Amino acid sequence: LDGSEAAALDGSEAAALDGSEAAEFHGSEAAALKRVPAIKGLGQAILEQQPAAPVRTSEGSAQEVSARLEQVKDAAKEMRQRTVKKVKELQEEAAIIVKEPKFQIMTISTGTGVVSLGTAGGAFGAAAGVVLGSAAGVVPALLTFGLSIPAGALIGGSTGFFSGALIGCTTGAGAGGATGFCIYRYRVEIKNGAVQVKVKVQTMAAQSYEKVNGAVSCAKLAIKDAKESVRAKASESWDLAKAKVSKAAGAAKTKGSAAVTFATSTRTGVTSSFAALGGTLGVSTGGTCGMVAGAAVGVVPAVFTFGLSIPISAGIGLLAGAAAGGSMGTVTGAAAGYTGFTYRDDIKRSAGYIRTKTMDSAAQVKQSVRSLVCAGTGETA
């Protein structure tokens, strides 16, 4: 046996030797050594030179055990090789399946259906479970001091969530898988249909573009013609309106000149103008004074009327003052206009005389001031 197998047999197989033979052998040798202690070394040397007895165990001899171990090793090695080969084949098949478009489309569609409908089913199931669980927990609420309501809601929500999620995932997986299978199965027809739809849409778009382009061109021509027509009509209308405005302005100017002439060169016109002017000034002045006076009068009972007498009295004073001032202003203005127009020549002469006297007085004052200044400085005026 080699070193490793001998070391293994030293521990296990040596212990399995027949007990009677080992005891008898060791007992006899030990007794012989005790009886002849002088030749102890010689006896030990003789024992070491004796050939070793074949080792046997309950499983057989060492050679048989070694052979069986080799068979086991070979079988394990062969099993390992077959396992590795099978794993590689499975990996290659899985890679082929994963790379297949059909598997990819069905996996994606199935996963999408599971996620979408599973989420929706879980949410709706949880909501419905909470409502039903809370409703069921209301019945024993008096006996449980209200704890049955949240407990029922929790149980119902959990049950509804898992049930809804399970149903949604199952439905989503089935619907998604069927959709993915149909898409992959009829991908050629779908592609052809999409191409036909695309071509038809492009054709319709081209036809629509041509129609729209033609309509736009026609509209542009119509707009251009209408623009020219409107421009011609607008120019004609502008000339006509300009002529009418010029005529109306001339008539208004003539009437205005006549009105100004009437208001400044006739006794009636001057009297009417001064009456209107006096009435306007009288209304504004009288209204202002009347409002101030009315407000002042309304201050007295303001304590009893909570201040309402002031605006009321001011309004009454405004109306009364405007009426009185307008009347007086009209009469005074009319009288002034009538008197001024009747004695206009005398007024002009008096105004000329006053202006002459004013100028003479100003010249005399100027001369006097100059004389005084010259006398103070010693110069000659």
Protein backbone atom coordinates (compact mmCIF):
# COMPACT_ATOMS: atom_id res chain seq x y z
CA LEU A 1 0.00 0.00 0.00
CA ASP A 2 1.16 3.56 -0.60
CA GLY A 3 1.73 6.04 2.21
CA SER A 4 -1.76 7.61 2.29
CA GLU A 5 -3.67 4.33 2.17
CA ALA A 6 -1.30 2.77 4.78
CA ALA A 7 -1.86 5.72 7.09
CA ALA A 8 -5.59 5.30 6.67
CA LEU A 9 -5.41 1.61 7.43
CA ASP A 10 -3.21 2.24 10.53
CA GLY A 11 -6.12 4.00 12.16
CA SER A 12 -9.24 2.23 10.88
CA GLU A 13 -8.33 -1.23 9.62
CA ALA A 14 -5.77 -2.00 12.38
CA ALA A 15 -8.50 -1.34 14.90
CA ALA A 16 -10.69 -3.87 13.10
CA LEU A 17 -8.23 -6.83 13.55
CA ASP A 18 -9.45 -9.93 15.26
CA GLY A 19 -9.31 -9.25 19.00
CA SER A 20 -8.28 -12.75 20.08
CA GLU A 21 -5.32 -13.03 17.64
CA ALA A 22 -3.93 -9.55 18.49
CA ALA A 23 -4.25 -10.23 22.24
CA GLU A 24 -2.63 -13.66 21.99
CA PHE A 25 0.23 -12.33 19.85
CA HIS A 26 1.05 -9.42 22.08
CA GLY A 27 0.62 -11.49 25.24
CA SER A 28 3.05 -14.18 24.15
CA GLU A 29 5.66 -11.76 22.93
CA ALA A 30 5.43 -9.67 26.06
CA ALA A 31 5.79 -12.78 28.29
CA ALA A 32 8.82 -13.92 26.28
CA LEU A 33 10.43 -10.53 26.65
CA LYS A 34 9.81 -10.55 30.41
CA ARG A 35 11.27 -14.03 30.80
CA VAL A 36 14.37 -13.18 28.73
CA PRO A 37 15.14 -9.56 29.50
CA ALA A 38 18.84 -9.94 28.45
CA ILE A 39 17.91 -10.55 24.82
CA LYS A 40 15.14 -7.94 24.66
CA GLY A 41 16.83 -6.10 21.84
CA LEU A 42 17.30 -9.26 19.84
CA GLY A 43 13.65 -10.24 20.20
CA GLN A 44 12.52 -6.77 19.12
CA ALA A 45 14.74 -7.00 16.04
CA ILE A 46 13.32 -10.40 15.19
CA LEU A 47 9.79 -9.10 15.50
CA GLU A 48 10.55 -6.15 13.22
CA GLN A 49 12.06 -8.46 10.56
CA GLN A 50 8.95 -10.71 10.46
CA PRO A 51 6.64 -10.03 7.46
CA ALA A 52 3.46 -8.10 8.26
CA ALA A 53 0.28 -10.11 8.32
CA PRO A 54 -2.33 -9.23 5.71
CA VAL A 55 -4.76 -6.63 7.06
CA ARG A 56 -8.45 -7.48 6.76
CA THR A 57 -11.56 -5.54 7.73
CA SER A 58 -15.24 -6.25 7.77
CA GLU A 59 -15.41 -4.84 4.20
CA GLY A 60 -12.57 -7.09 2.94
CA SER A 61 -8.88 -6.69 2.38
CA ALA A 62 -7.08 -3.39 1.78
CA GLN A 63 -6.76 -4.12 -1.94
CA GLU A 64 -10.51 -4.63 -2.23
CA VAL A 65 -11.24 -1.42 -0.32
CA SER A 66 -8.82 0.51 -2.55
CA ALA A 67 -10.44 -0.92 -5.67
CA ARG A 68 -13.87 0.06 -4.42
CA LEU A 69 -12.62 3.54 -3.61
CA GLU A 70 -11.26 3.88 -7.14
CA GLN A 71 -14.61 2.76 -8.54
CA VAL A 72 -16.41 5.31 -6.40
CA LYS A 73 -14.01 8.04 -7.52
CA ASP A 74 -14.47 7.11 -11.16
CA ALA A 75 -18.25 7.05 -10.77
CA ALA A 76 -18.22 10.45 -9.02
CA LYS A 77 -15.96 11.89 -11.72
CA GLU A 78 -18.20 10.55 -14.48
CA MET A 79 -21.29 11.89 -12.68
CA ARG A 80 -19.63 15.29 -12.34
CA GLN A 81 -18.75 15.36 -16.03
CA ARG A 82 -22.29 14.40 -17.02
CA THR A 83 -23.72 17.04 -14.64
CA VAL A 84 -21.45 19.76 -16.05
CA LYS A 85 -22.36 18.72 -19.60
CA LYS A 86 -26.09 18.79 -18.78
CA VAL A 87 -25.80 22.21 -17.12
CA LYS A 88 -24.00 23.58 -20.17
CA GLU A 89 -26.69 22.17 -22.46
CA LEU A 90 -29.42 23.72 -20.29
CA GLN A 91 -27.57 27.06 -20.31
CA GLU A 92 -27.30 26.99 -24.09
CA GLU A 93 -30.98 26.11 -24.46
CA ALA A 94 -31.94 28.87 -22.00
CA ALA A 95 -29.79 31.37 -23.91
CA ILE A 96 -31.44 30.34 -27.18
CA ILE A 97 -34.91 30.65 -25.65
CA VAL A 98 -34.13 34.04 -24.09
CA LYS A 99 -32.77 35.37 -27.37
CA GLU A 100 -35.83 34.24 -29.28
CA PRO A 101 -38.12 37.22 -30.19
CA LYS A 102 -41.26 35.25 -29.40
CA PHE A 103 -40.09 34.60 -25.83
CA GLN A 104 -39.02 38.22 -25.38
CA ILE A 105 -42.33 39.64 -26.63
CA MET A 106 -44.41 37.24 -24.55
CA THR A 107 -42.25 37.87 -21.46
CA ILE A 108 -42.51 41.63 -21.80
CA SER A 109 -46.25 41.57 -22.46
CA THR A 110 -46.85 39.11 -19.64
CA GLY A 111 -44.77 41.16 -17.20
CA THR A 112 -46.54 44.33 -18.25
CA GLY A 113 -49.95 42.71 -17.76
CA VAL A 114 -48.96 41.32 -14.37
CA VAL A 115 -47.62 44.64 -13.12
CA SER A 116 -50.50 46.72 -14.47
CA LEU A 117 -53.47 44.54 -13.58
CA GLY A 118 -51.81 43.24 -10.42
CA THR A 119 -51.32 46.77 -9.11
CA ALA A 120 -54.83 47.83 -10.09
CA GLY A 121 -56.36 44.64 -8.66
CA GLY A 122 -54.43 45.00 -5.42
CA ALA A 123 -55.49 48.63 -5.01
CA PHE A 124 -59.17 47.97 -5.74
CA GLY A 125 -59.16 44.82 -3.64
CA ALA A 126 -57.59 46.66 -0.70
CA ALA A 127 -60.13 49.50 -0.96
CA ALA A 128 -63.08 47.13 -1.21
CA GLY A 129 -61.70 44.96 1.59
CA VAL A 130 -61.28 47.95 3.91
CA VAL A 131 -64.87 49.07 3.25
CA LEU A 132 -66.37 45.60 3.69
CA GLY A 133 -64.17 44.79 6.68
CA SER A 134 -65.11 48.04 8.41
CA ALA A 135 -68.79 47.40 7.70
CA ALA A 136 -68.52 43.89 9.10
CA GLY A 137 -66.71 45.20 12.18
CA VAL A 138 -69.56 47.60 12.98
CA VAL A 139 -71.83 44.75 14.14
CA PRO A 140 -69.75 43.62 17.15
CA ALA A 141 -68.39 47.12 17.80
CA LEU A 142 -70.41 47.49 21.02
CA LEU A 143 -68.95 44.30 22.42
CA THR A 144 -65.37 45.08 21.39
CA PHE A 145 -65.47 48.80 22.30
CA GLY A 146 -64.99 49.75 18.66
CA LEU A 147 -61.82 47.70 18.13
CA SER A 148 -63.58 45.39 15.69
CA ILE A 149 -63.89 48.17 13.11
CA PRO A 150 -60.15 48.77 12.53
CA ALA A 151 -59.47 45.06 12.95
CA GLY A 152 -62.08 44.25 10.32
CA ALA A 153 -60.69 46.96 8.06
CA LEU A 154 -57.17 45.55 8.45
CA ILE A 155 -58.24 41.95 7.81
CA GLY A 156 -60.53 42.93 4.93
CA GLY A 157 -57.91 45.21 3.39
CA SER A 158 -55.20 42.56 3.60
CA THR A 159 -57.47 39.85 2.21
CA GLY A 160 -58.76 42.13 -0.53
CA PHE A 161 -55.27 43.27 -1.43
CA PHE A 162 -53.85 39.77 -1.79
CA SER A 163 -56.98 38.47 -3.53
CA GLY A 164 -57.13 41.42 -5.91
CA ALA A 165 -53.41 41.25 -6.59
CA LEU A 166 -53.65 37.49 -7.25
CA ILE A 167 -56.62 37.86 -9.57
CA GLY A 168 -55.07 40.87 -11.29
CA CYS A 169 -51.72 39.15 -11.74
CA THR A 170 -53.37 36.02 -13.11
CA THR A 171 -55.59 37.98 -15.46
CA GLY A 172 -52.75 40.26 -16.49
CA ALA A 173 -50.44 37.34 -17.13
CA GLY A 174 -53.05 35.58 -19.26
CA ALA A 175 -54.10 38.68 -21.17
CA GLY A 176 -50.50 39.88 -21.59
CA GLY A 177 -49.28 36.49 -22.73
CA ALA A 178 -52.17 36.12 -25.19
CA THR A 179 -51.56 39.62 -26.51
CA GLY A 180 -47.84 38.98 -26.91
CA PHE A 181 -48.52 35.64 -28.63
CA CYS A 182 -51.00 37.23 -31.03
CA ILE A 183 -48.63 40.08 -31.78
CA TYR A 184 -45.78 37.70 -32.53
CA ARG A 185 -47.98 35.22 -34.38
CA TYR A 186 -49.50 37.83 -36.67
CA ARG A 187 -46.55 40.22 -36.75
CA VAL A 188 -46.27 39.97 -40.54
CA GLU A 189 -49.94 40.74 -41.05
CA ILE A 190 -49.77 43.57 -38.53
CA LYS A 191 -46.71 44.99 -40.23
CA ASN A 192 -48.36 44.74 -43.66
CA GLY A 193 -51.50 46.37 -42.30
CA ALA A 194 -49.45 49.15 -40.72
CA VAL A 195 -47.62 49.68 -43.99
CA GLN A 196 -50.90 49.82 -45.89
CA VAL A 197 -52.33 52.26 -43.37
CA LYS A 198 -49.17 54.35 -43.60
CA VAL A 199 -49.32 54.42 -47.40
CA LYS A 200 -53.00 55.26 -47.34
CA VAL A 201 -52.44 58.02 -44.79
CA GLN A 202 -49.59 59.43 -46.87
CA THR A 203 -51.76 59.32 -49.99
CA MET A 204 -54.63 61.02 -48.20
CA ALA A 205 -52.23 63.59 -46.77
CA ALA A 206 -50.83 64.32 -50.23
CA GLN A 207 -54.34 64.64 -51.69
CA SER A 208 -55.42 66.84 -48.80
CA TYR A 209 -52.30 68.99 -49.25
CA GLU A 210 -53.07 69.41 -52.95
CA LYS A 211 -56.68 70.30 -52.18
CA VAL A 212 -55.65 72.72 -49.45
CA ASN A 213 -52.98 74.23 -51.68
CA GLY A 214 -55.52 74.71 -54.47
CA ALA A 215 -58.04 76.18 -52.05
CA VAL A 216 -55.37 78.50 -50.67
CA SER A 217 -54.42 79.63 -54.16
CA CYS A 218 -58.07 80.28 -55.02
CA ALA A 219 -58.53 82.09 -51.74
CA LYS A 220 -55.44 84.21 -52.41
CA LEU A 221 -56.75 85.17 -55.85
CA ALA A 222 -60.19 85.93 -54.41
CA ILE A 223 -58.64 87.97 -51.60
CA LYS A 224 -56.48 89.85 -54.08
CA ASP A 225 -59.51 90.64 -56.28
CA ALA A 226 -61.55 91.63 -53.24
CA LYS A 227 -58.65 93.74 -51.99
CA GLU A 228 -58.44 95.58 -55.30
CA SER A 229 -62.18 96.07 -55.36
CA VAL A 230 -62.25 97.27 -51.76
CA ARG A 231 -59.34 99.60 -52.42
CA ALA A 232 -61.13 101.11 -55.42
CA LYS A 233 -64.37 101.46 -53.48
CA ALA A 234 -62.53 102.87 -50.48
CA SER A 235 -60.76 105.44 -52.68
CA GLU A 236 -64.05 106.42 -54.23
CA SER A 237 -65.74 106.59 -50.83
CA TRP A 238 -62.80 108.60 -49.45
CA ASP A 239 -63.05 111.14 -52.26
CA LEU A 240 -66.79 111.40 -51.80
CA ALA A 241 -66.49 111.69 -48.01
CA LYS A 242 -63.72 114.25 -48.39
CA ALA A 243 -65.89 116.31 -50.68
CA LYS A 244 -68.83 116.05 -48.29
CA VAL A 245 -66.62 116.91 -45.31
CA SER A 246 -65.21 119.92 -47.17
CA LYS A 247 -68.71 121.00 -48.08
CA ALA A 248 -69.95 120.46 -44.53
CA ALA A 249 -66.90 122.25 -43.11
CA GLY A 250 -67.52 125.17 -45.45
CA ALA A 251 -71.18 125.24 -44.46
CA ALA A 252 -70.30 124.95 -40.77
CA LYS A 253 -67.68 127.67 -41.16
CA THR A 254 -70.19 129.86 -42.90
CA LYS A 255 -72.78 129.17 -40.23
CA GLY A 256 -70.20 129.67 -37.51
CA SER A 257 -69.13 132.96 -39.03
CA ALA A 258 -72.76 133.98 -39.29
CA ALA A 259 -73.34 132.92 -35.66
CA VAL A 260 -70.24 134.82 -34.52
CA THR A 261 -71.30 137.82 -36.54
CA PHE A 262 -74.79 137.59 -35.08
CA ALA A 263 -73.44 137.17 -31.52
CA THR A 264 -71.03 140.12 -31.82
CA SER A 265 -72.64 142.56 -34.19
CA THR A 266 -76.33 142.56 -33.22
CA ARG A 267 -78.03 143.71 -30.07
CA THR A 268 -79.93 140.42 -29.70
CA GLY A 269 -76.84 138.29 -30.24
CA VAL A 270 -74.67 140.26 -27.80
CA THR A 271 -77.45 140.25 -25.21
CA SER A 272 -77.95 136.48 -25.61
CA SER A 273 -74.21 135.80 -25.42
CA PHE A 274 -73.75 137.85 -22.27
CA ALA A 275 -76.88 136.26 -20.77
CA ALA A 276 -75.51 132.75 -21.40
CA LEU A 277 -72.11 133.72 -20.02
CA GLY A 278 -73.64 135.35 -16.97
CA GLY A 279 -75.93 132.37 -16.39
CA THR A 280 -72.98 129.96 -16.52
CA LEU A 281 -70.91 132.03 -14.11
CA GLY A 282 -73.96 132.53 -11.87
CA VAL A 283 -74.74 128.80 -11.75
CA SER A 284 -71.17 127.86 -10.81
CA THR A 285 -70.70 130.68 -8.33
CA GLY A 286 -74.18 130.39 -6.79
CA GLY A 287 -73.98 126.60 -6.59
CA THR A 288 -70.60 126.76 -4.81
CA CYS A 289 -71.75 129.39 -2.35
CA GLY A 290 -75.06 127.60 -1.75
CA MET A 291 -73.31 124.28 -1.10
CA VAL A 292 -70.93 125.86 1.41
CA ALA A 293 -73.76 127.69 3.14
CA GLY A 294 -75.98 124.58 3.21
CA ALA A 295 -73.18 122.49 4.68
CA ALA A 296 -72.57 125.11 7.33
CA VAL A 297 -76.27 125.14 8.18
CA GLY A 298 -76.36 121.32 8.34
CA VAL A 299 -73.60 121.28 10.95
CA VAL A 300 -76.01 122.47 13.64
CA PRO A 301 -78.36 119.45 13.64
CA ALA A 302 -75.57 117.02 12.71
CA VAL A 303 -75.44 115.67 16.25
CA PHE A 304 -79.07 114.61 16.07
CA THR A 305 -78.95 113.29 12.49
CA PHE A 306 -75.62 111.40 12.87
CA GLY A 307 -74.02 113.74 10.33
CA LEU A 308 -76.60 113.16 7.57
CA SER A 309 -77.82 116.77 7.74
CA ILE A 310 -74.51 118.07 6.36
CA PRO A 311 -74.62 116.42 2.89
CA ILE A 312 -78.39 116.93 2.65
CA SER A 313 -78.11 120.62 3.48
CA ALA A 314 -75.13 120.95 1.14
CA GLY A 315 -77.17 119.42 -1.72
CA ILE A 316 -80.13 121.66 -1.04
CA GLY A 317 -77.85 124.68 -0.86
CA LEU A 318 -76.14 123.64 -4.12
CA LEU A 319 -79.47 123.44 -5.97
CA ALA A 320 -80.83 126.64 -4.49
CA GLY A 321 -77.58 128.53 -5.06
CA ALA A 322 -77.28 127.27 -8.63
CA ALA A 323 -80.86 128.29 -9.41
CA ALA A 324 -80.53 131.71 -7.81
CA GLY A 325 -77.04 132.33 -9.22
CA GLY A 326 -78.10 131.20 -12.70
CA SER A 327 -81.10 133.49 -12.71
CA MET A 328 -79.18 136.48 -11.42
CA GLY A 329 -76.24 135.76 -13.72
CA THR A 330 -78.53 135.49 -16.75
CA VAL A 331 -80.34 138.74 -15.97
CA THR A 332 -77.12 140.56 -15.10
CA GLY A 333 -75.33 139.25 -18.18
CA ALA A 334 -78.24 140.15 -20.45
CA ALA A 335 -78.41 143.65 -18.98
CA ALA A 336 -74.66 144.10 -19.32
CA GLY A 337 -74.71 142.88 -22.92
CA TYR A 338 -77.62 145.04 -23.88
CA THR A 339 -76.13 148.15 -22.24
CA GLY A 340 -72.68 147.47 -23.64
CA PHE A 341 -73.92 147.01 -27.18
CA THR A 342 -76.21 150.08 -26.99
CA TYR A 343 -73.50 152.36 -25.64
CA ARG A 344 -70.54 150.70 -27.32
CA ASP A 345 -69.41 153.89 -29.04
CA ASP A 346 -69.43 155.87 -25.82
CA ILE A 347 -67.62 153.02 -24.06
CA LYS A 348 -64.96 152.97 -26.78
CA ARG A 349 -64.43 156.72 -26.51
CA SER A 350 -64.28 156.48 -22.72
CA ALA A 351 -61.83 153.59 -22.97
CA GLY A 352 -59.67 155.61 -25.39
CA TYR A 353 -59.75 158.63 -23.11
CA ILE A 354 -58.86 156.51 -20.08
CA ARG A 355 -56.01 154.86 -21.98
CA THR A 356 -54.68 158.26 -23.10
CA LYS A 357 -54.90 159.68 -19.60
CA THR A 358 -53.19 156.54 -18.22
CA MET A 359 -50.35 156.88 -20.69
CA ASP A 360 -49.96 160.62 -19.94
CA SER A 361 -49.96 159.92 -16.21
CA ALA A 362 -47.38 157.18 -16.65
CA ALA A 363 -45.16 159.56 -18.69
CA GLN A 364 -45.49 162.28 -16.05
CA VAL A 365 -44.62 159.82 -13.27
CA LYS A 366 -41.65 158.58 -15.27
CA GLN A 367 -40.44 162.16 -15.81
CA SER A 368 -40.88 162.99 -12.13
CA VAL A 369 -38.93 159.93 -11.03
CA ARG A 370 -36.14 160.73 -13.44
CA SER A 371 -35.95 164.34 -12.19
CA LEU A 372 -35.76 163.13 -8.61
CA VAL A 373 -33.03 160.66 -9.44
CA CYS A 374 -31.02 163.25 -11.31
CA ALA A 375 -31.39 165.80 -8.48
CA GLY A 376 -30.18 163.24 -5.97
CA THR A 377 -27.10 162.39 -8.02
CA GLY A 378 -26.35 165.93 -9.22
CA GLU A 379 -26.85 165.13 -12.87
CA THR A 380 -28.98 167.02 -15.40
CA ALA A 381 -32.23 165.34 -16.50
